[in-house]
Amino acid sequence: MTTSTGRSADTGLYVHFPWCVKKCPYCDFNSHPLKDALPEAEYLAALHKDLHHQRPPVFSSVFFGGGTPSLFSASTFASLLSAADLAANAEVTMEANPGTAEHHSWEAYLASGINRLSFGAQSFDNAALKRLGRIHSNDETRTCVQNARAAGFTNLNLDLMYGLPQQSTDQALLDLKIAIDLEPDHISWYQLTIEPRTEFAGRPPPLPVDNVIEEMETEGVRLLADADFTRYEVSAYARPGKRCRHNLTYWTFADYLGVGAGAHGMRSGVQVLRTEKPRSPRLYLTDPTHTVTSGVSHTDVPVQFLMNVLRLVDGVPFTRFEEATGLALEHLLPTWQKNVDLGLVQPDRFATTAFGYRHLDAVLQTFL
């Protein structure tokens, strides 16, 4: 859905909470281990100032990410949600680390307006969790899911990784089976990759070889499908009606507002604009209204568009390109047709074939 200016009416709000108990060696997110008391009141005041300064629209979804948002009390989220203009059926997600779940009650989070939880399980193998630097155990994740359900949450996601250090295919599939048995509504299952400027980049752990990774993915996708989880994005699997609406904002190239230290945002219209807030919590607290805004060139917009929408199994209609970018579709069609001829993409929409989905990077390369 778009407005008369071309901007998406399904705008998302991303709020970043930059602190965590401990920095994981694979993590390249803007997260900072807590060294002193959590500056909850100060950060909440900064978020309010940031949100008000950006003159937010109506939000169809909100995502509280981090870092570890579950370090903050339910009253912080209630305060922020009361200040935001939300659609009647807005999806409101909070990321939660099972290792910090004892700080606050799930009932209070639900009462604050949060209606979807995303647990960073990552694995159900305690030895694997230790190698990943996680501060929680297998049992703590199970307990969190059970308690969240008992509190009344009806929309739960589990984040899970495969291709872990020293992991076998059987171990990766066992993780998935345990996750499925907990009956979440959504599973984000993605391969561990070594990112620059992480601890693992400086001292890489022994990871499974490529053919083992491929076997994990093939068998895992089959296992999830048999359990009624539909793959709708590269690493996202959902039960019917439980796709993550906020993440679909990114993958359909819709607008989203970024609030908080290091948060990113995007606005479309006459030109696609990217926004970024200061990464340092200290600098952000000093001036939460400071925002770096940069325009995306007309040359780069098509590639950025495709990098998002082609992650979706079903893609998007051709009409979405002009709606989202304001650019003429004709500039993309010659290269698109070449990929159609190679059997990589669909002829009637921005979507790959099953073959093209397995070679997504190669498809995107043709547009660079």
Protein backbone atom coordinates (compact mmCIF):
# COMPACT_ATOMS: atom_id res chain seq x y z
CA MET A 1 0.00 0.00 0.00
CA THR A 2 1.35 3.42 -0.91
CA THR A 3 0.37 7.02 -0.35
CA SER A 4 -0.01 9.68 -3.03
CA THR A 5 3.64 10.62 -2.54
CA GLY A 6 4.79 7.07 -3.27
CA ARG A 7 5.79 6.38 0.34
CA SER A 8 4.70 3.13 1.87
CA ALA A 9 1.84 3.38 4.35
CA ASP A 10 3.16 0.22 6.06
CA THR A 11 5.96 1.97 7.91
CA GLY A 12 8.00 0.10 10.50
CA LEU A 13 9.71 1.41 13.61
CA TYR A 14 13.03 -0.08 14.71
CA VAL A 15 14.28 0.83 18.20
CA HIS A 16 17.81 -0.20 19.16
CA PHE A 17 18.93 -1.04 22.69
CA PRO A 18 22.74 -1.18 22.54
CA TRP A 19 23.68 -2.88 25.81
CA CYS A 20 24.20 -6.55 26.54
CA VAL A 21 25.62 -8.58 29.42
CA LYS A 22 28.43 -9.99 27.31
CA LYS A 23 29.55 -9.49 23.70
CA CYS A 24 29.37 -12.76 21.75
CA PRO A 25 32.47 -13.52 19.63
CA TYR A 26 30.42 -13.82 16.40
CA CYS A 27 28.33 -10.67 16.93
CA ASP A 28 28.81 -7.68 14.61
CA PHE A 29 25.74 -5.77 15.83
CA ASN A 30 26.05 -2.47 17.67
CA SER A 31 26.18 -3.97 21.17
CA HIS A 32 28.19 -2.90 24.20
CA PRO A 33 28.73 -4.99 27.36
CA LEU A 34 27.37 -3.28 30.46
CA LYS A 35 30.14 -2.07 32.74
CA ASP A 36 28.01 -0.02 35.14
CA ALA A 37 24.34 0.29 36.01
CA LEU A 38 21.94 0.31 33.07
CA PRO A 39 21.08 3.97 32.27
CA GLU A 40 17.44 3.09 31.70
CA ALA A 41 15.83 6.44 32.55
CA GLU A 42 18.39 8.43 30.57
CA TYR A 43 18.10 6.20 27.52
CA LEU A 44 14.30 6.27 27.61
CA ALA A 45 14.36 10.09 27.67
CA ALA A 46 16.76 10.09 24.69
CA LEU A 47 14.55 7.69 22.73
CA HIS A 48 11.52 9.91 23.31
CA LYS A 49 13.44 12.95 22.09
CA ASP A 50 14.69 11.05 19.03
CA LEU A 51 11.26 9.71 18.16
CA HIS A 52 9.58 13.10 18.51
CA HIS A 53 12.29 14.84 16.46
CA GLN A 54 11.84 12.48 13.51
CA ARG A 55 8.10 13.24 13.32
CA PRO A 56 6.98 9.65 13.01
CA PRO A 57 4.07 8.43 10.87
CA VAL A 58 1.62 5.69 11.82
CA PHE A 59 3.53 2.45 12.39
CA SER A 60 2.28 -0.93 11.24
CA SER A 61 5.07 -2.71 13.14
CA VAL A 62 7.61 -2.06 15.87
CA PHE A 63 10.78 -4.04 16.54
CA PHE A 64 12.80 -3.63 19.74
CA GLY A 65 16.24 -5.03 18.91
CA GLY A 66 19.75 -5.00 20.31
CA GLY A 67 21.92 -5.65 22.14
CA THR A 68 19.53 -7.05 24.70
CA PRO A 69 16.23 -5.16 24.97
CA SER A 70 15.05 -7.56 27.70
CA LEU A 71 17.51 -5.87 30.09
CA PHE A 72 14.97 -3.02 30.17
CA SER A 73 11.79 -3.04 32.21
CA ALA A 74 8.30 -3.32 30.76
CA SER A 75 7.57 0.28 31.77
CA THR A 76 10.19 1.51 29.26
CA PHE A 77 8.40 -0.22 26.39
CA ALA A 78 4.98 0.90 27.61
CA SER A 79 6.23 4.50 27.64
CA LEU A 80 7.65 4.29 24.11
CA LEU A 81 4.58 2.60 22.68
CA SER A 82 2.31 5.22 24.23
CA ALA A 83 4.34 7.90 22.41
CA ALA A 84 4.18 6.16 19.02
CA ASP A 85 1.17 6.30 16.72
CA LEU A 86 0.41 2.62 16.09
CA ALA A 87 -1.98 1.02 13.64
CA ALA A 88 -4.82 -0.86 15.34
CA ASN A 89 -3.29 -4.27 14.61
CA ALA A 90 0.39 -3.33 14.82
CA GLU A 91 2.89 -6.12 15.40
CA VAL A 92 5.24 -5.27 18.30
CA THR A 93 8.30 -7.51 18.71
CA MET A 94 10.90 -7.57 21.46
CA GLU A 95 14.12 -9.54 21.20
CA ALA A 96 14.90 -11.42 24.40
CA ASN A 97 18.01 -13.21 25.61
CA PRO A 98 17.10 -16.30 27.66
CA GLY A 99 20.03 -15.45 29.92
CA THR A 100 18.39 -12.19 31.05
CA ALA A 101 14.82 -13.43 31.30
CA GLU A 102 14.74 -13.48 35.08
CA HIS A 103 14.89 -9.68 35.32
CA HIS A 104 11.25 -8.94 34.44
CA SER A 105 7.93 -10.76 34.04
CA TRP A 106 6.47 -11.82 30.71
CA GLU A 107 3.03 -10.73 31.92
CA ALA A 108 4.35 -7.18 32.35
CA TYR A 109 5.90 -7.18 28.86
CA LEU A 110 2.60 -8.35 27.37
CA ALA A 111 0.70 -5.65 29.28
CA SER A 112 3.13 -3.02 27.96
CA GLY A 113 1.92 -3.61 24.40
CA ILE A 114 4.51 -6.12 23.19
CA ASN A 115 2.70 -8.94 21.36
CA ARG A 116 5.56 -10.89 19.80
CA LEU A 117 8.76 -12.24 21.37
CA SER A 118 11.94 -13.32 19.59
CA PHE A 119 14.19 -15.53 21.70
CA GLY A 120 17.90 -15.76 20.83
CA ALA A 121 18.20 -19.51 21.37
CA GLN A 122 21.00 -20.04 18.76
CA SER A 123 21.45 -23.70 19.82
CA PHE A 124 20.14 -26.27 22.30
CA ASP A 125 23.57 -27.85 22.75
CA ASN A 126 25.17 -26.45 25.91
CA ALA A 127 28.68 -27.12 24.62
CA ALA A 128 27.87 -25.25 21.40
CA LEU A 129 26.39 -22.37 23.38
CA LYS A 130 29.59 -22.13 25.40
CA ARG A 131 31.69 -22.01 22.21
CA LEU A 132 29.42 -19.22 20.94
CA GLY A 133 29.93 -17.22 24.12
CA ARG A 134 26.23 -17.34 25.04
CA ILE A 135 25.29 -16.75 28.69
CA HIS A 136 22.22 -19.02 28.73
CA SER A 137 21.62 -22.76 28.72
CA ASN A 138 19.36 -25.12 26.83
CA ASP A 139 17.01 -25.35 29.84
CA GLU A 140 16.74 -21.58 30.18
CA THR A 141 15.45 -21.26 26.61
CA ARG A 142 12.87 -23.99 27.21
CA THR A 143 11.73 -22.28 30.43
CA CYS A 144 11.43 -18.90 28.69
CA VAL A 145 9.20 -20.32 25.97
CA GLN A 146 6.99 -22.12 28.51
CA ASN A 147 6.67 -19.05 30.74
CA ALA A 148 5.97 -16.71 27.82
CA ARG A 149 3.19 -19.01 26.64
CA ALA A 150 1.78 -19.20 30.17
CA ALA A 151 1.80 -15.38 30.32
CA GLY A 152 -0.38 -15.22 27.21
CA PHE A 153 2.00 -14.65 24.29
CA THR A 154 0.63 -16.21 21.10
CA ASN A 155 3.41 -15.20 18.72
CA LEU A 156 6.90 -16.50 19.46
CA ASN A 157 10.03 -16.72 17.33
CA LEU A 158 13.17 -18.74 17.99
CA ASP A 159 16.48 -17.59 16.50
CA LEU A 160 18.64 -20.61 15.69
CA MET A 161 21.98 -20.95 13.88
CA TYR A 162 23.61 -23.81 12.00
CA GLY A 163 27.12 -24.33 10.72
CA LEU A 164 28.45 -23.83 14.24
CA PRO A 165 32.04 -24.59 15.30
CA GLN A 166 32.57 -28.38 15.37
CA GLN A 167 28.88 -29.01 14.54
CA SER A 168 27.78 -32.11 12.62
CA THR A 169 24.68 -32.39 10.45
CA ASP A 170 23.00 -34.59 13.07
CA GLN A 171 23.66 -31.97 15.76
CA ALA A 172 22.25 -29.17 13.59
CA LEU A 173 19.11 -31.18 12.87
CA LEU A 174 18.72 -32.08 16.56
CA ASP A 175 18.71 -28.36 17.37
CA LEU A 176 15.92 -27.88 14.86
CA LYS A 177 13.91 -30.82 16.20
CA ILE A 178 14.10 -29.47 19.75
CA ALA A 179 13.05 -26.03 18.53
CA ILE A 180 10.10 -27.49 16.60
CA ASP A 181 9.03 -29.51 19.66
CA LEU A 182 8.73 -26.23 21.61
CA GLU A 183 6.02 -25.22 19.12
CA PRO A 184 7.10 -21.67 18.25
CA ASP A 185 5.12 -19.78 15.62
CA HIS A 186 8.21 -18.71 13.69
CA ILE A 187 11.80 -19.94 13.39
CA SER A 188 14.69 -17.84 12.08
CA TRP A 189 17.28 -20.44 11.05
CA TYR A 190 20.44 -19.04 9.57
CA GLN A 191 24.04 -20.02 8.92
CA LEU A 192 26.77 -18.71 11.19
CA THR A 193 29.10 -16.52 9.18
CA ILE A 194 32.33 -14.92 10.32
CA GLU A 195 31.93 -11.15 10.11
CA PRO A 196 34.79 -8.62 10.03
CA ARG A 197 35.67 -6.85 13.28
CA THR A 198 34.36 -9.69 15.44
CA GLU A 199 36.32 -11.82 17.87
CA PHE A 200 35.82 -14.85 15.61
CA ALA A 201 37.34 -12.91 12.70
CA GLY A 202 40.54 -12.50 14.69
CA ARG A 203 40.68 -16.14 15.74
CA PRO A 204 38.41 -18.15 13.42
CA PRO A 205 36.95 -21.32 14.94
CA PRO A 206 36.83 -24.60 12.99
CA LEU A 207 33.60 -24.49 10.99
CA PRO A 208 31.93 -27.29 8.99
CA VAL A 209 33.05 -27.63 5.37
CA ASP A 210 30.83 -26.48 2.50
CA ASN A 211 29.31 -29.85 1.61
CA VAL A 212 28.31 -30.40 5.26
CA ILE A 213 26.75 -26.93 5.38
CA GLU A 214 24.79 -27.72 2.21
CA GLU A 215 23.61 -31.00 3.74
CA MET A 216 22.50 -29.21 6.92
CA GLU A 217 20.44 -26.72 4.92
CA THR A 218 18.86 -29.28 2.60
CA GLU A 219 17.84 -31.60 5.42
CA GLY A 220 16.82 -28.73 7.70
CA VAL A 221 14.52 -27.12 5.12
CA ARG A 222 12.86 -30.51 4.61
CA LEU A 223 12.45 -31.01 8.36
CA LEU A 224 10.85 -27.57 8.80
CA ALA A 225 8.47 -28.12 5.88
CA ASP A 226 7.37 -31.46 7.34
CA ALA A 227 6.57 -29.61 10.59
CA ASP A 228 4.32 -27.10 8.76
CA PHE A 229 6.84 -24.26 8.75
CA THR A 230 6.78 -22.49 5.40
CA ARG A 231 9.98 -20.91 4.18
CA TYR A 232 9.14 -17.40 2.99
CA GLU A 233 12.59 -15.77 3.14
CA VAL A 234 16.18 -17.04 3.03
CA SER A 235 16.33 -17.70 6.78
CA ALA A 236 12.70 -17.28 7.90
CA TYR A 237 10.13 -20.05 8.42
CA ALA A 238 6.61 -19.46 9.71
CA ARG A 239 3.47 -21.27 10.66
CA PRO A 240 0.38 -20.07 8.73
CA GLY A 241 -0.38 -16.42 9.45
CA LYS A 242 2.78 -15.88 11.53
CA ARG A 243 5.24 -14.29 9.10
CA CYS A 244 7.19 -11.45 10.71
CA ARG A 245 5.46 -8.34 9.44
CA HIS A 246 8.25 -6.03 10.57
CA ASN A 247 10.94 -7.91 8.66
CA LEU A 248 8.68 -7.94 5.61
CA THR A 249 8.98 -4.14 5.76
CA TYR A 250 12.69 -4.52 4.98
CA TRP A 251 12.26 -7.28 2.42
CA THR A 252 9.58 -5.43 0.45
CA PHE A 253 11.65 -2.21 0.45
CA ALA A 254 9.12 -0.29 2.53
CA ASP A 255 9.85 2.67 4.82
CA TYR A 256 11.10 2.26 8.36
CA LEU A 257 12.22 4.68 11.04
CA GLY A 258 15.37 3.98 13.07
CA VAL A 259 15.51 5.20 16.67
CA GLY A 260 18.29 4.55 19.20
CA ALA A 261 22.08 4.28 19.17
CA GLY A 262 23.27 2.98 15.80
CA ALA A 263 19.75 2.53 14.41
CA HIS A 264 19.23 2.73 10.66
CA GLY A 265 16.16 3.90 8.76
CA MET A 266 14.93 4.33 5.19
CA ARG A 267 12.55 6.79 3.57
CA SER A 268 11.36 6.61 -0.02
CA GLY A 269 9.80 9.32 -2.18
CA VAL A 270 11.45 11.55 -4.77
CA GLN A 271 14.74 9.97 -3.62
CA VAL A 272 15.47 6.97 -1.40
CA LEU A 273 17.13 8.21 1.79
CA ARG A 274 19.06 6.20 4.36
CA THR A 275 19.41 7.44 7.94
CA GLU A 276 21.83 6.42 10.68
CA LYS A 277 22.11 7.38 14.33
CA PRO A 278 25.43 7.63 16.26
CA ARG A 279 26.65 4.13 17.20
CA SER A 280 28.20 5.14 20.52
CA PRO A 281 25.66 5.09 23.37
CA ARG A 282 27.54 7.98 24.98
CA LEU A 283 27.34 10.13 21.85
CA TYR A 284 23.71 9.18 21.29
CA LEU A 285 22.77 10.18 24.84
CA THR A 286 24.55 13.50 24.31
CA ASP A 287 22.43 14.34 21.25
CA PRO A 288 19.76 11.79 20.30
CA THR A 289 18.42 14.06 17.54
CA HIS A 290 21.66 13.87 15.52
CA THR A 291 20.99 11.90 12.35
CA VAL A 292 23.21 11.28 9.34
CA THR A 293 21.06 11.23 6.20
CA SER A 294 22.40 10.11 2.82
CA GLY A 295 20.67 9.80 -0.51
CA VAL A 296 20.88 6.58 -2.53
CA SER A 297 21.82 7.19 -6.15
CA HIS A 298 19.42 6.14 -8.89
CA THR A 299 22.13 3.73 -10.02
CA ASP A 300 22.28 1.95 -6.65
CA VAL A 301 18.55 1.89 -5.86
CA PRO A 302 17.64 -1.02 -8.22
CA VAL A 303 20.37 -3.24 -6.75
CA GLN A 304 19.37 -2.41 -3.18
CA PHE A 305 15.75 -3.10 -4.06
CA LEU A 306 16.56 -6.49 -5.56
CA MET A 307 18.89 -7.46 -2.70
CA ASN A 308 15.88 -7.21 -0.42
CA VAL A 309 12.90 -8.45 -2.41
CA LEU A 310 14.66 -11.45 -3.95
CA ARG A 311 15.29 -12.83 -0.44
CA LEU A 312 11.56 -13.55 -0.40
CA VAL A 313 10.60 -16.94 -1.81
CA ASP A 314 7.58 -15.43 -3.57
CA GLY A 315 9.24 -12.10 -4.36
CA VAL A 316 7.02 -9.10 -5.16
CA PRO A 317 4.98 -7.92 -8.19
CA PHE A 318 6.77 -5.85 -10.83
CA THR A 319 4.60 -2.89 -9.82
CA ARG A 320 6.34 -2.80 -6.43
CA PHE A 321 9.53 -1.39 -8.00
CA GLU A 322 7.97 1.86 -9.19
CA GLU A 323 5.87 2.14 -6.00
CA ALA A 324 8.91 1.80 -3.76
CA THR A 325 11.54 3.70 -5.74
CA GLY A 326 9.75 6.10 -8.09
CA LEU A 327 11.98 4.82 -10.91
CA ALA A 328 10.85 3.39 -14.23
CA LEU A 329 10.70 -0.39 -14.41
CA GLU A 330 12.04 -0.45 -17.98
CA HIS A 331 15.62 0.08 -16.77
CA LEU A 332 15.64 -3.34 -15.07
CA LEU A 333 13.79 -5.42 -17.63
CA PRO A 334 16.59 -6.18 -20.16
CA THR A 335 18.83 -7.74 -17.49
CA TRP A 336 15.83 -9.41 -15.87
CA GLN A 337 14.91 -11.05 -19.19
CA LYS A 338 18.44 -12.44 -19.54
CA ASN A 339 17.97 -14.14 -16.17
CA VAL A 340 14.55 -15.43 -17.26
CA ASP A 341 16.22 -17.03 -20.29
CA LEU A 342 18.75 -18.71 -17.97
CA GLY A 343 15.96 -20.16 -15.83
CA LEU A 344 17.00 -18.13 -12.78
CA VAL A 345 14.01 -15.82 -12.30
CA GLN A 346 10.26 -15.71 -12.90
CA PRO A 347 8.98 -13.97 -16.06
CA ASP A 348 6.01 -12.20 -14.44
CA ARG A 349 7.29 -10.84 -11.10
CA PHE A 350 10.42 -10.05 -9.11
CA ALA A 351 11.03 -13.57 -7.84
CA THR A 352 13.58 -16.29 -8.53
CA THR A 353 12.94 -19.82 -9.64
CA ALA A 354 13.84 -22.61 -7.22
CA PHE A 355 17.14 -22.93 -9.11
CA GLY A 356 17.78 -19.19 -8.94
CA TYR A 357 17.03 -19.13 -5.21
CA ARG A 358 19.90 -21.55 -4.63
CA HIS A 359 22.18 -19.19 -6.60
CA LEU A 360 20.85 -15.86 -5.37
CA ASP A 361 24.24 -14.17 -5.18
CA ALA A 362 24.86 -14.99 -8.84
CA VAL A 363 21.51 -13.52 -9.82
CA LEU A 364 22.21 -10.29 -7.95
CA GLN A 365 25.68 -10.06 -9.47
CA THR A 366 24.16 -9.64 -12.93
CA PHE A 367 22.65 -6.30 -11.83
CA LEU A 368 25.88 -4.84 -10.40
